[in-house]
Amino acid sequence: MKSLILLLPLLVFANVSFAQEQNTEESTVNNDVVEATPAKPIPGQEPESTAEVDEEVTGEESLEEPVSEPKEDSFFAFDDYGYGLGFGILYTGLGANINVTKQYDMKYASIGCLGHSSEGGLACGVGVGWIQTNLFDVDPFYADKHGIGIYIGAVGSEKSREPTNRNPEYDNEIVWGLAGSYHYFLNGITEPGTNLGASFVIGDGRDDVEFGLLLQVGYQF
């Protein structure tokens, strides 16, 4: 009986010691576990932006749309073509023209009639010319209104021969030559509108060189 009483305290002491050893081992294990904290960036090395990361991942670079260059003004642009009706060197007398017009110049070809009579009939011909504006030091508002031109083609008409009582019939013939001209476009050379002008002409007549002045009034469409 006494031996049993002695054994009980020993068992209790052994259990308490075993429990303390287990608690000590658990605390040691917990101390060994270190929580991982995010690494701080090294000074001077900034993290890459999201766009750069996406670019590296996809391997695709952003493509910028090419900037379209303004188209050069072509001589054959449909909008540059026009026509006109009137009287003067711009229309080879009483007639019409077709033209190519830019900001400050006009190149044209014309066809018209420069003489008529009941005996000789009509005298009609063709011509080509070039008109340039902005040649004068004037206000920019008038820069495309005043034009100086040159022209080659039909400039007048004459009788094919002198009529006689015996042979009164004759023909009207074209006189070919050159002209220098001044033009005023009321709405500007590139806009539809009325134009006025005058031309000094020189032609190779049947007998001698002929000179003359030809007025102009017309409308460009």
C-alpha atoms as a PDB file:
ATOM      1  CA  MET A   1       0.000   0.000   0.000  1.00  0.00           C
ATOM      2  CA  LYS A   2       2.764   2.352   0.878  1.00  0.00           C
ATOM      3  CA  SER A   3       4.467   1.526  -2.405  1.00  0.00           C
ATOM      4  CA  LEU A   4       1.366   2.533  -4.366  1.00  0.00           C
ATOM      5  CA  ILE A   5       1.163   5.845  -2.582  1.00  0.00           C
ATOM      6  CA  LEU A   6       4.814   6.501  -3.436  1.00  0.00           C
ATOM      7  CA  LEU A   7       4.296   5.603  -7.103  1.00  0.00           C
ATOM      8  CA  LEU A   8       1.398   8.056  -7.629  1.00  0.00           C
ATOM      9  CA  PRO A   9       3.420  11.216  -6.970  1.00  0.00           C
ATOM     10  CA  LEU A  10       6.134   9.926  -9.299  1.00  0.00           C
ATOM     11  CA  LEU A  11       3.626   9.395 -12.146  1.00  0.00           C
ATOM     12  CA  VAL A  12       2.130  12.860 -11.664  1.00  0.00           C
ATOM     13  CA  PHE A  13       5.584  14.428 -11.715  1.00  0.00           C
ATOM     14  CA  ALA A  14       6.513  12.505 -14.842  1.00  0.00           C
ATOM     15  CA  ASN A  15       3.331  13.648 -16.683  1.00  0.00           C
ATOM     16  CA  VAL A  16       3.942  17.279 -15.768  1.00  0.00           C
ATOM     17  CA  SER A  17       7.549  17.125 -16.979  1.00  0.00           C
ATOM     18  CA  PHE A  18       6.483  15.499 -20.280  1.00  0.00           C
ATOM     19  CA  ALA A  19       3.880  18.225 -20.863  1.00  0.00           C
ATOM     20  CA  GLN A  20       6.414  20.963 -20.244  1.00  0.00           C
ATOM     21  CA  GLU A  21       8.822  19.372 -22.723  1.00  0.00           C
ATOM     22  CA  GLN A  22       6.114  19.313 -25.442  1.00  0.00           C
ATOM     23  CA  ASN A  23       5.239  22.990 -24.878  1.00  0.00           C
ATOM     24  CA  THR A  24       8.917  23.911 -25.095  1.00  0.00           C
ATOM     25  CA  GLU A  25       9.296  22.058 -28.423  1.00  0.00           C
ATOM     26  CA  GLU A  26       6.178  23.790 -29.934  1.00  0.00           C
ATOM     27  CA  SER A  27       7.418  27.254 -28.952  1.00  0.00           C
ATOM     28  CA  THR A  28      10.803  26.467 -30.501  1.00  0.00           C
ATOM     29  CA  VAL A  29       9.147  25.405 -33.762  1.00  0.00           C
ATOM     30  CA  ASN A  30       7.002  28.564 -33.841  1.00  0.00           C
ATOM     31  CA  ASN A  31      10.035  30.785 -33.288  1.00  0.00           C
ATOM     32  CA  ASP A  32      11.846  29.134 -36.156  1.00  0.00           C
ATOM     33  CA  VAL A  33       9.030  30.092 -38.591  1.00  0.00           C
ATOM     34  CA  VAL A  34       9.737  33.589 -39.985  1.00  0.00           C
ATOM     35  CA  GLU A  35       7.098  35.353 -41.974  1.00  0.00           C
ATOM     36  CA  ALA A  36       8.266  36.415 -45.411  1.00  0.00           C
ATOM     37  CA  THR A  37       7.965  40.125 -46.046  1.00  0.00           C
ATOM     38  CA  PRO A  38       8.015  41.698 -49.516  1.00  0.00           C
ATOM     39  CA  ALA A  39      11.428  42.886 -50.587  1.00  0.00           C
ATOM     40  CA  LYS A  40      11.846  46.630 -50.803  1.00  0.00           C
ATOM     41  CA  PRO A  41      13.061  47.996 -54.135  1.00  0.00           C
ATOM     42  CA  ILE A  42      16.679  49.020 -54.311  1.00  0.00           C
ATOM     43  CA  PRO A  43      17.021  52.833 -54.505  1.00  0.00           C
ATOM     44  CA  GLY A  44      17.462  54.016 -58.093  1.00  0.00           C
ATOM     45  CA  GLN A  45      15.656  51.024 -59.593  1.00  0.00           C
ATOM     46  CA  GLU A  46      11.998  51.831 -60.139  1.00  0.00           C
ATOM     47  CA  PRO A  47       9.577  49.014 -60.878  1.00  0.00           C
ATOM     48  CA  GLU A  48       8.608  48.621 -64.483  1.00  0.00           C
ATOM     49  CA  SER A  49       5.283  50.085 -65.502  1.00  0.00           C
ATOM     50  CA  THR A  50       2.349  47.866 -66.342  1.00  0.00           C
ATOM     51  CA  ALA A  51       2.577  48.871 -70.009  1.00  0.00           C
ATOM     52  CA  GLU A  52       6.245  47.810 -70.169  1.00  0.00           C
ATOM     53  CA  VAL A  53       5.499  44.523 -68.471  1.00  0.00           C
ATOM     54  CA  ASP A  54       2.641  43.818 -70.868  1.00  0.00           C
ATOM     55  CA  GLU A  55       4.908  44.683 -73.770  1.00  0.00           C
ATOM     56  CA  GLU A  56       7.564  42.226 -72.571  1.00  0.00           C
ATOM     57  CA  VAL A  57       4.995  39.519 -71.994  1.00  0.00           C
ATOM     58  CA  THR A  58       3.240  39.847 -75.319  1.00  0.00           C
ATOM     59  CA  GLY A  59       6.333  40.759 -77.330  1.00  0.00           C
ATOM     60  CA  GLU A  60       4.296  43.255 -79.307  1.00  0.00           C
ATOM     61  CA  GLU A  61       5.146  46.913 -79.676  1.00  0.00           C
ATOM     62  CA  SER A  62       2.513  49.583 -80.057  1.00  0.00           C
ATOM     63  CA  LEU A  63       2.309  50.676 -83.668  1.00  0.00           C
ATOM     64  CA  GLU A  64       1.679  54.341 -84.371  1.00  0.00           C
ATOM     65  CA  GLU A  65      -0.436  55.205 -87.381  1.00  0.00           C
ATOM     66  CA  PRO A  66       1.667  56.833 -90.095  1.00  0.00           C
ATOM     67  CA  VAL A  67       0.959  60.514 -90.583  1.00  0.00           C
ATOM     68  CA  SER A  68      -0.462  61.105 -94.036  1.00  0.00           C
ATOM     69  CA  GLU A  69       1.458  63.688 -96.043  1.00  0.00           C
ATOM     70  CA  PRO A  70      -0.471  66.354 -97.889  1.00  0.00           C
ATOM     71  CA  LYS A  71      -1.027  65.473-101.496  1.00  0.00           C
ATOM     72  CA  GLU A  72       0.836  67.508-104.015  1.00  0.00           C
ATOM     73  CA  ASP A  73      -1.209  69.626-106.327  1.00  0.00           C
ATOM     74  CA  SER A  74      -1.361  67.704-109.586  1.00  0.00           C
ATOM     75  CA  PHE A  75      -1.569  69.322-113.002  1.00  0.00           C
ATOM     76  CA  PHE A  76      -4.207  66.746-113.918  1.00  0.00           C
ATOM     77  CA  ALA A  77      -6.458  67.264-110.883  1.00  0.00           C
ATOM     78  CA  PHE A  78     -10.057  67.362-112.087  1.00  0.00           C
ATOM     79  CA  ASP A  79     -10.955  70.321-109.847  1.00  0.00           C
ATOM     80  CA  ASP A  80      -8.355  72.495-111.570  1.00  0.00           C
ATOM     81  CA  TYR A  81     -10.123  72.410-114.932  1.00  0.00           C
ATOM     82  CA  GLY A  82     -12.607  75.072-115.999  1.00  0.00           C
ATOM     83  CA  TYR A  83     -14.049  76.882-118.976  1.00  0.00           C
ATOM     84  CA  GLY A  84     -15.259  80.325-119.906  1.00  0.00           C
ATOM     85  CA  LEU A  85     -17.247  82.310-122.450  1.00  0.00           C
ATOM     86  CA  GLY A  86     -16.742  85.868-123.598  1.00  0.00           C
ATOM     87  CA  PHE A  87     -14.997  88.270-125.937  1.00  0.00           C
ATOM     88  CA  GLY A  88     -11.311  89.155-125.915  1.00  0.00           C
ATOM     89  CA  ILE A  89      -7.900  87.578-126.192  1.00  0.00           C
ATOM     90  CA  LEU A  90      -8.812  85.112-123.418  1.00  0.00           C
ATOM     91  CA  TYR A  91     -11.448  83.718-125.820  1.00  0.00           C
ATOM     92  CA  THR A  92      -9.709  84.339-129.175  1.00  0.00           C
ATOM     93  CA  GLY A  93     -12.232  87.000-130.084  1.00  0.00           C
ATOM     94  CA  LEU A  94     -15.824  85.965-129.534  1.00  0.00           C
ATOM     95  CA  GLY A  95     -15.596  82.405-128.254  1.00  0.00           C
ATOM     96  CA  ALA A  96     -14.722  80.100-125.389  1.00  0.00           C
ATOM     97  CA  ASN A  97     -11.788  78.607-123.546  1.00  0.00           C
ATOM     98  CA  ILE A  98     -10.837  75.627-121.443  1.00  0.00           C
ATOM     99  CA  ASN A  99      -8.233  76.128-118.744  1.00  0.00           C
ATOM    100  CA  VAL A 100      -6.183  74.680-115.930  1.00  0.00           C
ATOM    101  CA  THR A 101      -6.161  77.113-113.003  1.00  0.00           C
ATOM    102  CA  LYS A 102      -3.941  77.025-109.910  1.00  0.00           C
ATOM    103  CA  GLN A 103      -3.712  79.468-107.017  1.00  0.00           C
ATOM    104  CA  TYR A 104      -2.063  82.262-108.973  1.00  0.00           C
ATOM    105  CA  ASP A 105      -2.000  81.264-112.636  1.00  0.00           C
ATOM    106  CA  MET A 106      -4.118  80.043-115.509  1.00  0.00           C
ATOM    107  CA  LYS A 107      -3.086  78.152-118.633  1.00  0.00           C
ATOM    108  CA  TYR A 108      -5.728  78.054-121.305  1.00  0.00           C
ATOM    109  CA  ALA A 109      -6.595  77.110-124.873  1.00  0.00           C
ATOM    110  CA  SER A 110      -9.265  79.086-126.703  1.00  0.00           C
ATOM    111  CA  ILE A 111     -11.270  79.099-129.878  1.00  0.00           C
ATOM    112  CA  GLY A 112     -13.271  81.960-131.336  1.00  0.00           C
ATOM    113  CA  CYS A 113     -14.038  84.246-134.223  1.00  0.00           C
ATOM    114  CA  LEU A 114     -12.359  87.594-134.878  1.00  0.00           C
ATOM    115  CA  GLY A 115     -14.115  88.836-138.015  1.00  0.00           C
ATOM    116  CA  HIS A 116     -17.297  88.573-140.016  1.00  0.00           C
ATOM    117  CA  SER A 117     -18.747  90.101-143.106  1.00  0.00           C
ATOM    118  CA  SER A 118     -21.608  89.259-145.415  1.00  0.00           C
ATOM    119  CA  GLU A 119     -19.190  88.877-148.315  1.00  0.00           C
ATOM    120  CA  GLY A 120     -16.245  87.186-146.605  1.00  0.00           C
ATOM    121  CA  GLY A 121     -17.975  85.169-143.876  1.00  0.00           C
ATOM    122  CA  LEU A 122     -16.458  84.356-140.508  1.00  0.00           C
ATOM    123  CA  ALA A 123     -12.775  84.390-139.625  1.00  0.00           C
ATOM    124  CA  CYS A 124     -12.197  82.003-136.738  1.00  0.00           C
ATOM    125  CA  GLY A 125      -9.055  80.660-135.108  1.00  0.00           C
ATOM    126  CA  VAL A 126      -7.463  79.209-131.998  1.00  0.00           C
ATOM    127  CA  GLY A 127      -4.845  80.256-129.470  1.00  0.00           C
ATOM    128  CA  VAL A 128      -3.103  79.363-126.222  1.00  0.00           C
ATOM    129  CA  GLY A 129      -2.064  81.588-123.336  1.00  0.00           C
ATOM    130  CA  TRP A 130      -0.801  81.868-119.797  1.00  0.00           C
ATOM    131  CA  ILE A 131      -1.936  84.362-117.144  1.00  0.00           C
ATOM    132  CA  GLN A 132      -0.003  84.957-113.916  1.00  0.00           C
ATOM    133  CA  THR A 133      -1.315  86.923-110.919  1.00  0.00           C
ATOM    134  CA  ASN A 134       0.461  88.046-107.670  1.00  0.00           C
ATOM    135  CA  LEU A 135       3.019  89.908-109.790  1.00  0.00           C
ATOM    136  CA  PHE A 136       2.140  93.245-108.204  1.00  0.00           C
ATOM    137  CA  ASP A 137       3.014  94.392-104.697  1.00  0.00           C
ATOM    138  CA  VAL A 138      -0.592  94.904-103.665  1.00  0.00           C
ATOM    139  CA  ASP A 139      -2.833  94.007-100.760  1.00  0.00           C
ATOM    140  CA  PRO A 140      -3.179  90.181-100.431  1.00  0.00           C
ATOM    141  CA  PHE A 141      -6.910  90.575-101.052  1.00  0.00           C
ATOM    142  CA  TYR A 142      -6.086  91.538-104.650  1.00  0.00           C
ATOM    143  CA  ALA A 143      -3.176  89.128-105.144  1.00  0.00           C
ATOM    144  CA  ASP A 144      -5.243  86.715-107.254  1.00  0.00           C
ATOM    145  CA  LYS A 145      -7.282  89.363-109.076  1.00  0.00           C
ATOM    146  CA  HIS A 146      -4.748  91.289-111.204  1.00  0.00           C
ATOM    147  CA  GLY A 147      -3.196  89.188-113.945  1.00  0.00           C
ATOM    148  CA  ILE A 148      -0.633  89.704-116.692  1.00  0.00           C
ATOM    149  CA  GLY A 149      -0.739  87.296-119.631  1.00  0.00           C
ATOM    150  CA  ILE A 150       0.960  86.281-122.854  1.00  0.00           C
ATOM    151  CA  TYR A 151      -0.828  84.735-125.797  1.00  0.00           C
ATOM    152  CA  ILE A 152      -0.011  83.194-129.158  1.00  0.00           C
ATOM    153  CA  GLY A 153      -2.571  82.414-131.852  1.00  0.00           C
ATOM    154  CA  ALA A 154      -5.220  84.219-133.867  1.00  0.00           C
ATOM    155  CA  VAL A 155      -5.202  87.966-133.152  1.00  0.00           C
ATOM    156  CA  GLY A 156      -7.321  89.446-135.961  1.00  0.00           C
ATOM    157  CA  SER A 157      -8.708  89.045-139.444  1.00  0.00           C
ATOM    158  CA  GLU A 158      -8.226  90.576-142.844  1.00  0.00           C
ATOM    159  CA  LYS A 159      -9.563  90.275-146.371  1.00  0.00           C
ATOM    160  CA  SER A 160      -7.933  87.665-148.522  1.00  0.00           C
ATOM    161  CA  ARG A 161      -7.693  90.268-151.319  1.00  0.00           C
ATOM    162  CA  GLU A 162      -9.121  93.600-152.232  1.00  0.00           C
ATOM    163  CA  PRO A 163     -12.555  93.272-153.878  1.00  0.00           C
ATOM    164  CA  THR A 164     -13.053  94.698-157.367  1.00  0.00           C
ATOM    165  CA  ASN A 165     -16.082  95.389-159.466  1.00  0.00           C
ATOM    166  CA  ARG A 166     -15.160  92.480-161.585  1.00  0.00           C
ATOM    167  CA  ASN A 167     -14.578  90.103-158.711  1.00  0.00           C
ATOM    168  CA  PRO A 168     -16.267  91.468-155.570  1.00  0.00           C
ATOM    169  CA  GLU A 169     -16.123  88.217-153.599  1.00  0.00           C
ATOM    170  CA  TYR A 170     -13.362  87.667-151.046  1.00  0.00           C
ATOM    171  CA  ASP A 171     -12.678  85.648-147.898  1.00  0.00           C
ATOM    172  CA  ASN A 172     -11.902  86.734-144.362  1.00  0.00           C
ATOM    173  CA  GLU A 173      -8.567  85.320-143.267  1.00  0.00           C
ATOM    174  CA  ILE A 174      -7.074  85.004-139.784  1.00  0.00           C
ATOM    175  CA  VAL A 175      -4.068  87.093-138.787  1.00  0.00           C
ATOM    176  CA  TRP A 176      -1.722  85.121-136.559  1.00  0.00           C
ATOM    177  CA  GLY A 177       0.452  86.773-133.975  1.00  0.00           C
ATOM    178  CA  LEU A 178       1.220  87.488-130.316  1.00  0.00           C
ATOM    179  CA  ALA A 179      -0.437  89.456-127.543  1.00  0.00           C
ATOM    180  CA  GLY A 180       0.376  90.847-124.130  1.00  0.00           C
ATOM    181  CA  SER A 181      -2.650  91.237-121.905  1.00  0.00           C
ATOM    182  CA  TYR A 182      -3.948  92.570-118.602  1.00  0.00           C
ATOM    183  CA  HIS A 183      -6.841  90.845-116.829  1.00  0.00           C
ATOM    184  CA  TYR A 184      -8.886  91.669-113.757  1.00  0.00           C
ATOM    185  CA  PHE A 185     -10.848  88.797-112.171  1.00  0.00           C
ATOM    186  CA  LEU A 186     -13.577  90.216-109.957  1.00  0.00           C
ATOM    187  CA  ASN A 187     -13.762  87.111-107.731  1.00  0.00           C
ATOM    188  CA  GLY A 188     -10.177  85.954-108.105  1.00  0.00           C
ATOM    189  CA  ILE A 189      -8.586  83.791-110.748  1.00  0.00           C
ATOM    190  CA  THR A 190      -9.642  80.499-109.116  1.00  0.00           C
ATOM    191  CA  GLU A 191     -13.294  81.434-108.506  1.00  0.00           C
ATOM    192  CA  PRO A 192     -16.170  81.605-110.989  1.00  0.00           C
ATOM    193  CA  GLY A 193     -16.983  85.152-112.002  1.00  0.00           C
ATOM    194  CA  THR A 194     -16.691  88.020-114.438  1.00  0.00           C
ATOM    195  CA  ASN A 195     -13.363  89.224-115.795  1.00  0.00           C
ATOM    196  CA  LEU A 196     -12.334  92.350-117.653  1.00  0.00           C
ATOM    197  CA  GLY A 197      -9.189  93.208-119.557  1.00  0.00           C
ATOM    198  CA  ALA A 198      -7.385  94.555-122.558  1.00  0.00           C
ATOM    199  CA  SER A 199      -4.678  93.208-124.883  1.00  0.00           C
ATOM    200  CA  PHE A 200      -2.064  94.742-127.122  1.00  0.00           C
ATOM    201  CA  VAL A 201      -1.745  92.528-130.206  1.00  0.00           C
ATOM    202  CA  ILE A 202       0.780  92.291-133.009  1.00  0.00           C
ATOM    203  CA  GLY A 203       0.115  90.180-136.108  1.00  0.00           C
ATOM    204  CA  ASP A 204       1.646  89.202-139.411  1.00  0.00           C
ATOM    205  CA  GLY A 205      -0.752  90.701-141.966  1.00  0.00           C
ATOM    206  CA  ARG A 206      -0.925  89.997-145.651  1.00  0.00           C
ATOM    207  CA  ASP A 207       0.928  93.180-146.574  1.00  0.00           C
ATOM    208  CA  ASP A 208       2.673  94.243-143.363  1.00  0.00           C
ATOM    209  CA  VAL A 209       2.803  93.848-139.582  1.00  0.00           C
ATOM    210  CA  GLU A 210      -0.416  94.918-137.920  1.00  0.00           C
ATOM    211  CA  PHE A 211      -0.945  96.267-134.382  1.00  0.00           C
ATOM    212  CA  GLY A 212      -4.110  96.640-132.445  1.00  0.00           C
ATOM    213  CA  LEU A 213      -5.904  96.825-129.100  1.00  0.00           C
ATOM    214  CA  LEU A 214      -8.482  94.214-128.148  1.00  0.00           C
ATOM    215  CA  LEU A 215     -10.779  94.716-125.157  1.00  0.00           C
ATOM    216  CA  GLN A 216     -12.049  91.831-123.070  1.00  0.00           C
ATOM    217  CA  VAL A 217     -15.126  90.919-121.077  1.00  0.00           C
ATOM    218  CA  GLY A 218     -16.118  87.399-120.138  1.00  0.00           C
ATOM    219  CA  TYR A 219     -17.200  84.932-117.498  1.00  0.00           C
ATOM    220  CA  GLN A 220     -15.239  81.985-116.124  1.00  0.00           C
ATOM    221  CA  PHE A 221     -17.177  79.010-114.782  1.00  0.00           C
END
